[in-house]
Amino acid sequence: MRGLSLLALVIVLLIVGLLASRQTAVIHAPTNVIGVPASAPQGNGREQSQQIQQQYKKALEDAVNQPRPELDDAK
């Protein structure tokens, strides 16, 4: 019975370790506002902040300016 408990514990720890490693891989991948990989901003902190703000503003404007799909009037 103890062998089975120990085996179950080892399997659970392996699964948790695998999930944790996948999660950290996703966290460390640089992405922009919409989740597309982006290059790291260059320059000092102020320049990086301005670049990120510009990327965010552009992504927001692109999302707002997308044409809305037309609905069919079924009467």
N, C-alpha and C. Protein backbone atom coordinates (compact mmCIF):
# COMPACT_ATOMS: atom_id res chain seq x y z
N MET A 1 0.81 -1.19 0.00
CA MET A 1 0.00 0.00 0.00
C MET A 1 0.86 1.26 0.00
N ARG A 2 1.94 1.25 0.77
CA ARG A 2 2.83 2.42 0.79
C ARG A 2 3.49 2.64 -0.56
N GLY A 3 3.82 1.56 -1.24
CA GLY A 3 4.45 1.66 -2.57
C GLY A 3 3.54 2.36 -3.55
N LEU A 4 2.25 2.03 -3.49
CA LEU A 4 1.27 2.65 -4.38
C LEU A 4 1.13 4.15 -4.05
N SER A 5 1.10 4.50 -2.79
CA SER A 5 1.00 5.90 -2.38
C SER A 5 2.22 6.68 -2.83
N LEU A 6 3.39 6.08 -2.68
CA LEU A 6 4.62 6.74 -3.08
C LEU A 6 4.66 6.93 -4.60
N LEU A 7 4.20 5.92 -5.34
CA LEU A 7 4.17 6.02 -6.79
C LEU A 7 3.19 7.12 -7.23
N ALA A 8 2.04 7.21 -6.60
CA ALA A 8 1.06 8.24 -6.93
C ALA A 8 1.63 9.64 -6.63
N LEU A 9 2.33 9.76 -5.52
CA LEU A 9 2.94 11.04 -5.16
C LEU A 9 3.99 11.46 -6.19
N VAL A 10 4.80 10.54 -6.64
CA VAL A 10 5.84 10.83 -7.64
C VAL A 10 5.19 11.25 -8.95
N ILE A 11 4.12 10.58 -9.35
CA ILE A 11 3.43 10.95 -10.60
C ILE A 11 2.83 12.35 -10.49
N VAL A 12 2.22 12.66 -9.38
CA VAL A 12 1.64 14.00 -9.18
C VAL A 12 2.74 15.07 -9.23
N LEU A 13 3.87 14.79 -8.59
CA LEU A 13 4.97 15.76 -8.60
C LEU A 13 5.52 15.96 -10.01
N LEU A 14 5.59 14.90 -10.80
CA LEU A 14 6.05 15.04 -12.19
C LEU A 14 5.09 15.89 -13.01
N ILE A 15 3.80 15.68 -12.82
CA ILE A 15 2.81 16.47 -13.56
C ILE A 15 2.89 17.94 -13.16
N VAL A 16 2.98 18.22 -11.87
CA VAL A 16 3.08 19.60 -11.40
C VAL A 16 4.36 20.25 -11.92
N GLY A 17 5.46 19.52 -11.92
CA GLY A 17 6.72 20.06 -12.44
C GLY A 17 6.62 20.38 -13.92
N LEU A 18 5.98 19.50 -14.68
CA LEU A 18 5.81 19.73 -16.12
C LEU A 18 4.95 20.97 -16.37
N LEU A 19 3.85 21.10 -15.64
CA LEU A 19 3.00 22.27 -15.81
C LEU A 19 3.71 23.56 -15.40
N ALA A 20 4.50 23.50 -14.35
CA ALA A 20 5.24 24.69 -13.90
C ALA A 20 6.27 25.10 -14.93
N SER A 21 6.95 24.14 -15.53
CA SER A 21 7.97 24.49 -16.53
C SER A 21 7.32 25.08 -17.78
N ARG A 22 6.16 24.58 -18.17
CA ARG A 22 5.47 25.17 -19.32
C ARG A 22 5.01 26.59 -19.01
N GLN A 23 4.52 26.80 -17.81
CA GLN A 23 4.04 28.12 -17.42
C GLN A 23 5.18 29.14 -17.42
N THR A 24 6.33 28.77 -16.90
CA THR A 24 7.45 29.71 -16.87
C THR A 24 7.97 29.98 -18.28
N ALA A 25 7.87 29.00 -19.17
CA ALA A 25 8.29 29.23 -20.56
C ALA A 25 7.38 30.26 -21.22
N VAL A 26 6.10 30.22 -20.92
CA VAL A 26 5.15 31.18 -21.49
C VAL A 26 5.37 32.57 -20.91
N ILE A 27 5.66 32.64 -19.63
CA ILE A 27 5.86 33.93 -18.97
C ILE A 27 7.09 34.65 -19.52
N HIS A 28 8.15 33.91 -19.82
CA HIS A 28 9.40 34.53 -20.25
C HIS A 28 9.41 34.88 -21.73
N ALA A 29 8.42 34.45 -22.51
CA ALA A 29 8.36 34.78 -23.93
C ALA A 29 7.85 36.21 -24.07
N PRO A 30 8.62 37.11 -24.72
CA PRO A 30 8.16 38.49 -24.87
C PRO A 30 7.00 38.57 -25.87
N THR A 31 5.93 39.26 -25.49
CA THR A 31 4.78 39.45 -26.37
C THR A 31 4.33 40.90 -26.28
N ASN A 32 3.62 41.33 -27.31
CA ASN A 32 3.07 42.68 -27.24
C ASN A 32 1.64 42.60 -26.72
N VAL A 33 0.88 43.66 -26.86
CA VAL A 33 -0.43 43.77 -26.24
C VAL A 33 -1.39 42.68 -26.71
N ILE A 34 -1.34 42.33 -27.97
CA ILE A 34 -2.29 41.35 -28.49
C ILE A 34 -1.74 39.93 -28.47
N GLY A 35 -0.61 39.71 -27.81
CA GLY A 35 -0.09 38.37 -27.64
C GLY A 35 0.84 37.89 -28.74
N VAL A 36 1.16 38.73 -29.67
CA VAL A 36 2.08 38.36 -30.74
C VAL A 36 3.50 38.62 -30.26
N PRO A 37 4.43 37.68 -30.49
CA PRO A 37 5.80 37.92 -30.03
C PRO A 37 6.35 39.24 -30.56
N ALA A 38 7.00 39.96 -29.71
CA ALA A 38 7.53 41.27 -30.07
C ALA A 38 8.99 41.34 -29.65
N SER A 39 9.73 42.19 -30.32
CA SER A 39 11.11 42.39 -29.92
C SER A 39 11.14 43.25 -28.66
N ALA A 40 12.15 43.06 -27.87
CA ALA A 40 12.27 43.82 -26.63
C ALA A 40 12.56 45.29 -26.96
N PRO A 41 11.89 46.22 -26.29
CA PRO A 41 12.16 47.63 -26.54
C PRO A 41 13.61 47.99 -26.19
N GLN A 42 14.18 48.86 -26.98
CA GLN A 42 15.56 49.27 -26.78
C GLN A 42 15.59 50.61 -26.06
N GLY A 43 16.68 50.90 -25.39
CA GLY A 43 16.86 52.19 -24.76
C GLY A 43 16.69 52.13 -23.25
N ASN A 44 16.64 53.32 -22.65
CA ASN A 44 16.49 53.38 -21.19
C ASN A 44 15.04 53.16 -20.79
N GLY A 45 14.75 53.25 -19.51
CA GLY A 45 13.41 52.98 -19.01
C GLY A 45 12.35 53.89 -19.57
N ARG A 46 12.68 55.17 -19.70
CA ARG A 46 11.70 56.13 -20.23
C ARG A 46 11.38 55.82 -21.70
N GLU A 47 12.40 55.52 -22.50
CA GLU A 47 12.18 55.21 -23.91
C GLU A 47 11.39 53.91 -24.06
N GLN A 48 11.71 52.92 -23.23
CA GLN A 48 10.98 51.65 -23.28
C GLN A 48 9.51 51.87 -22.93
N SER A 49 9.26 52.69 -21.93
CA SER A 49 7.89 52.98 -21.53
C SER A 49 7.12 53.66 -22.67
N GLN A 50 7.76 54.61 -23.33
CA GLN A 50 7.11 55.30 -24.44
C GLN A 50 6.85 54.35 -25.59
N GLN A 51 7.79 53.43 -25.87
CA GLN A 51 7.59 52.46 -26.95
C GLN A 51 6.42 51.53 -26.63
N ILE A 52 6.33 51.09 -25.40
CA ILE A 52 5.24 50.20 -25.00
C ILE A 52 3.91 50.93 -25.10
N GLN A 53 3.89 52.21 -24.68
CA GLN A 53 2.66 53.00 -24.77
C GLN A 53 2.24 53.18 -26.23
N GLN A 54 3.21 53.41 -27.11
CA GLN A 54 2.89 53.56 -28.53
C GLN A 54 2.36 52.25 -29.12
N GLN A 55 2.96 51.13 -28.73
CA GLN A 55 2.49 49.83 -29.23
C GLN A 55 1.06 49.58 -28.75
N TYR A 56 0.80 49.87 -27.48
CA TYR A 56 -0.54 49.68 -26.92
C TYR A 56 -1.55 50.57 -27.64
N LYS A 57 -1.18 51.83 -27.85
CA LYS A 57 -2.09 52.77 -28.51
C LYS A 57 -2.38 52.32 -29.94
N LYS A 58 -1.37 51.86 -30.65
CA LYS A 58 -1.57 51.39 -32.02
C LYS A 58 -2.47 50.16 -32.05
N ALA A 59 -2.24 49.21 -31.14
CA ALA A 59 -3.07 48.01 -31.09
C ALA A 59 -4.51 48.36 -30.76
N LEU A 60 -4.71 49.31 -29.86
CA LEU A 60 -6.05 49.74 -29.49
C LEU A 60 -6.75 50.44 -30.65
N GLU A 61 -6.03 51.32 -31.35
CA GLU A 61 -6.60 52.00 -32.50
C GLU A 61 -6.96 51.02 -33.61
N ASP A 62 -6.09 50.03 -33.85
CA ASP A 62 -6.37 49.02 -34.86
C ASP A 62 -7.62 48.22 -34.51
N ALA A 63 -7.78 47.90 -33.22
CA ALA A 63 -8.95 47.14 -32.79
C ALA A 63 -10.22 47.97 -32.94
N VAL A 64 -10.15 49.25 -32.61
CA VAL A 64 -11.32 50.11 -32.69
C VAL A 64 -11.69 50.37 -34.15
N ASN A 65 -10.72 50.49 -35.03
CA ASN A 65 -10.97 50.85 -36.42
C ASN A 65 -11.30 49.67 -37.32
N GLN A 66 -11.38 48.46 -36.77
CA GLN A 66 -11.76 47.32 -37.60
C GLN A 66 -13.21 47.46 -38.02
N PRO A 67 -13.50 47.16 -39.29
CA PRO A 67 -14.90 47.28 -39.72
C PRO A 67 -15.76 46.23 -39.03
N ARG A 68 -16.96 46.63 -38.68
CA ARG A 68 -17.90 45.71 -38.03
C ARG A 68 -18.56 44.85 -39.09
N PRO A 69 -18.80 43.59 -38.79
CA PRO A 69 -19.49 42.74 -39.78
C PRO A 69 -20.94 43.20 -39.95
N GLU A 70 -21.39 43.15 -41.18
CA GLU A 70 -22.77 43.55 -41.47
C GLU A 70 -23.70 42.41 -41.14
N LEU A 71 -24.83 42.76 -40.54
CA LEU A 71 -25.84 41.77 -40.21
C LEU A 71 -26.88 41.73 -41.31
N ASP A 72 -27.34 40.54 -41.63
CA ASP A 72 -28.41 40.38 -42.63
C ASP A 72 -29.75 40.68 -41.97
N ASP A 73 -30.55 41.51 -42.62
CA ASP A 73 -31.88 41.81 -42.10
C ASP A 73 -32.84 40.75 -42.62
N ALA A 74 -33.15 39.78 -41.81
CA ALA A 74 -34.06 38.70 -42.20
C ALA A 74 -35.47 39.06 -41.72
N LYS A 75 -36.24 39.67 -42.60
CA LYS A 75 -37.63 40.06 -42.25
C LYS A 75 -38.60 39.29 -43.08
